[in-house]
Amino acid sequence: MNGCVGVLLAGGLARRMGGGDKPLLALGGRPILAEAIERLRPQCAALVLNANGDPARFSAFGLPVVADSVVGFAGPLAGVLAGMDHARANSPHVTDILSAPADTPFLPADLVERLGAARQAARAQIAVAASGGRVHHAVALWPVALREDLRRALVEEDVRKVSAFIARYSNVTVDWPVARYDPFFNVNRPEDVGRAEEILAKF
């Protein structure tokens, strides 16, 4: 599955954090985004960052930065579409993208492998990660072939919920254990930074 493009989603408004870029918050002395990149890079043929606004603020990470093509902060689905469009234009041989929030610093090392294997076994179109009884719809393996369907859903039907779009297609959910920590823990609120520091200390 090294043929996939990893898409780190950072296009949101971070309202629960009071605005700003959550992936740039420091964790263990370096940005959360650096942690996410380190975990995804070995699993993907290429990485891209979905973010709106001035891309220069992410220049230190050396990733292509693609903005939403759907106006009005349409949510994670707009980021998934931006990633699909980038993959089709720059890596036309790639058939899949892997999406994940850029504020999720503990992504599992077997994320792409397990999602790909489960999708193949179930003969599904989309594979989605889950942990601790929760499905993480923004952490998913998607075929690039769905990009025009997704564009229509966003632009013509005003679909915004990731789960609603995924439900239109055959899909499979893959569960990860949370014995030591939740690998899909993401930093949404100021108090989550302290919790993330506690998890990082376990490594």
Protein backbone atom coordinates (compact mmCIF):
# COMPACT_ATOMS: atom_id res chain seq x y z
CA MET A 1 0.00 0.00 0.00
CA ASN A 2 2.99 2.36 -0.35
CA GLY A 3 1.24 3.59 -3.48
CA CYS A 4 -1.11 5.87 -1.54
CA VAL A 5 -0.80 9.61 -0.97
CA GLY A 6 -1.19 10.71 2.64
CA VAL A 7 -3.36 13.79 3.16
CA LEU A 8 -3.01 15.57 6.49
CA LEU A 9 -6.11 17.65 7.14
CA ALA A 10 -5.48 21.08 8.67
CA GLY A 11 -8.15 23.14 6.94
CA GLY A 12 -10.45 23.71 9.92
CA LEU A 13 -11.04 26.83 11.98
CA ALA A 14 -10.00 25.34 15.36
CA ARG A 15 -12.91 27.05 17.13
CA ARG A 16 -12.54 24.94 20.29
CA MET A 17 -8.94 26.13 20.51
CA GLY A 18 -9.90 29.76 20.03
CA GLY A 19 -8.59 29.78 16.46
CA GLY A 20 -5.09 29.36 15.11
CA ASP A 21 -3.32 26.30 13.76
CA LYS A 22 -3.59 23.32 16.09
CA PRO A 23 -0.96 21.30 14.20
CA LEU A 24 1.63 23.98 14.99
CA LEU A 25 1.18 23.67 18.76
CA ALA A 26 4.26 22.34 20.52
CA LEU A 27 4.27 18.79 21.80
CA GLY A 28 7.42 17.40 23.35
CA GLY A 29 9.35 20.39 22.06
CA ARG A 30 8.21 20.18 18.43
CA PRO A 31 4.99 20.80 16.49
CA ILE A 32 2.19 18.25 16.57
CA LEU A 33 2.33 18.25 12.77
CA ALA A 34 5.92 16.97 12.89
CA GLU A 35 4.73 13.96 14.91
CA ALA A 36 1.96 13.19 12.42
CA ILE A 37 4.35 13.50 9.47
CA GLU A 38 6.89 11.19 11.12
CA ARG A 39 4.26 8.48 11.56
CA LEU A 40 2.69 8.73 8.11
CA ARG A 41 5.75 9.31 5.91
CA PRO A 42 6.99 5.67 5.94
CA GLN A 43 3.49 4.45 5.06
CA CYS A 44 2.83 6.59 1.99
CA ALA A 45 4.41 7.28 -1.38
CA ALA A 46 3.96 11.02 -0.75
CA LEU A 47 2.41 13.39 1.76
CA VAL A 48 0.41 16.58 1.25
CA LEU A 49 -1.00 19.07 3.74
CA ASN A 50 -4.52 20.43 3.31
CA ALA A 51 -4.64 23.94 4.81
CA ASN A 52 -6.28 27.26 4.00
CA GLY A 53 -4.75 30.71 4.25
CA ASP A 54 -1.10 31.59 3.76
CA PRO A 55 0.80 28.34 3.04
CA ALA A 56 4.10 29.96 4.06
CA ARG A 57 3.41 29.23 7.73
CA PHE A 58 3.95 25.53 6.99
CA SER A 59 7.05 25.97 4.81
CA ALA A 60 9.38 24.43 7.40
CA PHE A 61 7.74 21.01 6.91
CA GLY A 62 8.57 20.71 3.24
CA LEU A 63 5.16 19.42 2.18
CA PRO A 64 2.97 20.61 -0.68
CA VAL A 65 0.12 22.66 0.79
CA VAL A 66 -3.25 22.48 -0.96
CA ALA A 67 -6.24 24.62 -0.03
CA ASP A 68 -9.90 23.64 -0.21
CA SER A 69 -11.38 24.14 -3.67
CA VAL A 70 -14.85 24.31 -2.12
CA VAL A 71 -15.40 27.73 -0.56
CA GLY A 72 -16.69 28.47 2.93
CA PHE A 73 -14.72 26.00 5.08
CA ALA A 74 -16.74 22.96 4.03
CA GLY A 75 -15.06 20.68 6.56
CA PRO A 76 -12.89 17.56 6.27
CA LEU A 77 -14.58 16.35 3.09
CA ALA A 78 -13.29 19.43 1.29
CA GLY A 79 -9.79 18.51 2.45
CA VAL A 80 -10.23 14.95 1.23
CA LEU A 81 -11.28 16.31 -2.17
CA ALA A 82 -8.28 18.66 -2.27
CA GLY A 83 -6.04 15.69 -1.55
CA MET A 84 -7.66 13.61 -4.27
CA ASP A 85 -7.26 16.43 -6.79
CA HIS A 86 -3.60 16.86 -5.85
CA ALA A 87 -2.94 13.13 -6.12
CA ARG A 88 -4.58 12.91 -9.55
CA ALA A 89 -2.62 15.91 -10.85
CA ASN A 90 0.77 15.04 -9.38
CA SER A 91 0.74 11.26 -8.87
CA PRO A 92 -1.60 9.93 -11.58
CA HIS A 93 -0.43 6.35 -10.95
CA VAL A 94 -1.69 6.48 -7.37
CA THR A 95 -5.13 4.96 -6.85
CA ASP A 96 -5.74 5.82 -3.17
CA ILE A 97 -5.33 8.51 -0.58
CA LEU A 98 -5.09 8.13 3.18
CA SER A 99 -6.65 11.00 5.12
CA ALA A 100 -5.91 11.89 8.73
CA PRO A 101 -6.27 15.04 10.85
CA ALA A 102 -3.00 16.93 11.18
CA ASP A 103 -3.61 17.39 14.92
CA THR A 104 -3.45 13.62 15.54
CA PRO A 105 0.12 13.00 16.73
CA PHE A 106 0.00 9.27 17.59
CA LEU A 107 -1.15 7.67 14.33
CA PRO A 108 -0.37 3.93 14.29
CA ALA A 109 2.54 2.63 12.23
CA ASP A 110 0.30 -0.02 10.63
CA LEU A 111 -2.49 2.39 9.65
CA VAL A 112 -2.24 2.09 5.87
CA GLU A 113 -1.38 -1.60 5.97
CA ARG A 114 -4.37 -2.61 8.08
CA LEU A 115 -6.86 -0.35 6.33
CA GLY A 116 -5.73 -1.65 2.95
CA ALA A 117 -5.87 -5.30 4.00
CA ALA A 118 -9.33 -4.93 5.55
CA ARG A 119 -10.68 -3.11 2.53
CA GLN A 120 -9.38 -5.80 0.21
CA ALA A 121 -10.71 -8.63 2.39
CA ALA A 122 -14.17 -7.03 2.59
CA ARG A 123 -14.11 -5.98 -1.07
CA ALA A 124 -15.08 -2.53 0.14
CA GLN A 125 -14.39 0.85 -1.42
CA ILE A 126 -13.47 2.76 1.74
CA ALA A 127 -11.76 1.62 4.95
CA VAL A 128 -12.20 3.67 8.14
CA ALA A 129 -10.28 3.61 11.42
CA ALA A 130 -11.91 3.12 14.83
CA SER A 131 -10.79 2.90 18.45
CA GLY A 132 -12.34 2.88 21.90
CA GLY A 133 -15.85 2.42 20.53
CA ARG A 134 -15.58 5.45 18.21
CA VAL A 135 -15.31 5.53 14.43
CA HIS A 136 -12.86 8.15 13.14
CA HIS A 137 -14.34 8.93 9.74
CA ALA A 138 -11.64 11.45 8.86
CA VAL A 139 -9.02 8.68 9.18
CA ALA A 140 -9.75 6.63 6.11
CA LEU A 141 -8.39 5.04 2.96
CA TRP A 142 -10.21 6.39 -0.10
CA PRO A 143 -10.04 5.55 -3.82
CA VAL A 144 -9.15 8.63 -5.88
CA ALA A 145 -11.79 7.42 -8.34
CA LEU A 146 -14.47 8.84 -6.01
CA ARG A 147 -13.27 12.43 -6.40
CA GLU A 148 -15.93 13.59 -8.87
CA ASP A 149 -18.65 11.93 -6.78
CA LEU A 150 -17.28 13.79 -3.77
CA ARG A 151 -17.13 17.08 -5.66
CA ARG A 152 -20.79 16.75 -6.65
CA ALA A 153 -21.77 15.85 -3.08
CA LEU A 154 -20.02 18.94 -1.73
CA VAL A 155 -20.93 21.48 -4.40
CA GLU A 156 -24.35 20.37 -5.59
CA GLU A 157 -25.77 18.55 -2.56
CA ASP A 158 -24.09 20.49 0.27
CA VAL A 159 -23.01 17.27 2.00
CA ARG A 160 -20.74 18.09 4.93
CA LYS A 161 -20.72 15.03 7.20
CA VAL A 162 -17.89 12.65 6.39
CA SER A 163 -19.90 9.70 7.71
CA ALA A 164 -22.83 10.55 5.42
CA PHE A 165 -20.66 10.46 2.32
CA ILE A 166 -18.88 7.26 3.35
CA ALA A 167 -22.24 5.56 3.97
CA ARG A 168 -23.02 5.84 0.27
CA TYR A 169 -20.31 3.30 -0.54
CA SER A 170 -19.29 -0.13 0.61
CA ASN A 171 -17.03 0.41 3.61
CA VAL A 172 -15.29 -1.45 6.38
CA THR A 173 -14.23 -0.31 9.85
CA VAL A 174 -10.91 -1.35 11.35
CA ASP A 175 -10.48 -1.19 15.13
CA TRP A 176 -7.26 -0.33 16.99
CA PRO A 177 -6.66 -1.12 20.67
CA VAL A 178 -6.48 1.65 23.28
CA ALA A 179 -4.80 -0.25 26.10
CA ARG A 180 -1.94 2.24 26.61
CA TYR A 181 -3.35 5.20 24.70
CA ASP A 182 -5.73 6.00 21.87
CA PRO A 183 -3.68 6.18 18.63
CA PHE A 184 -6.28 8.56 17.19
CA PHE A 185 -6.26 11.00 20.09
CA ASN A 186 -6.38 14.50 18.63
CA VAL A 187 -5.78 17.89 20.16
CA ASN A 188 -9.06 19.80 20.08
CA ARG A 189 -8.97 21.84 23.29
CA PRO A 190 -6.22 23.58 25.26
CA GLU A 191 -6.38 20.90 27.98
CA ASP A 192 -5.71 18.21 25.37
CA VAL A 193 -2.12 19.40 25.01
CA GLY A 194 -1.34 18.26 28.55
CA ARG A 195 -2.97 14.90 27.93
CA ALA A 196 -0.95 14.50 24.73
CA GLU A 197 2.23 15.25 26.65
CA GLU A 198 1.36 12.43 29.07
CA ILE A 199 0.85 10.02 26.18
CA LEU A 200 4.08 11.07 24.50
CA ALA A 201 5.96 10.33 27.71
CA LYS A 202 4.95 6.65 27.35
CA PHE A 203 6.95 6.22 24.14
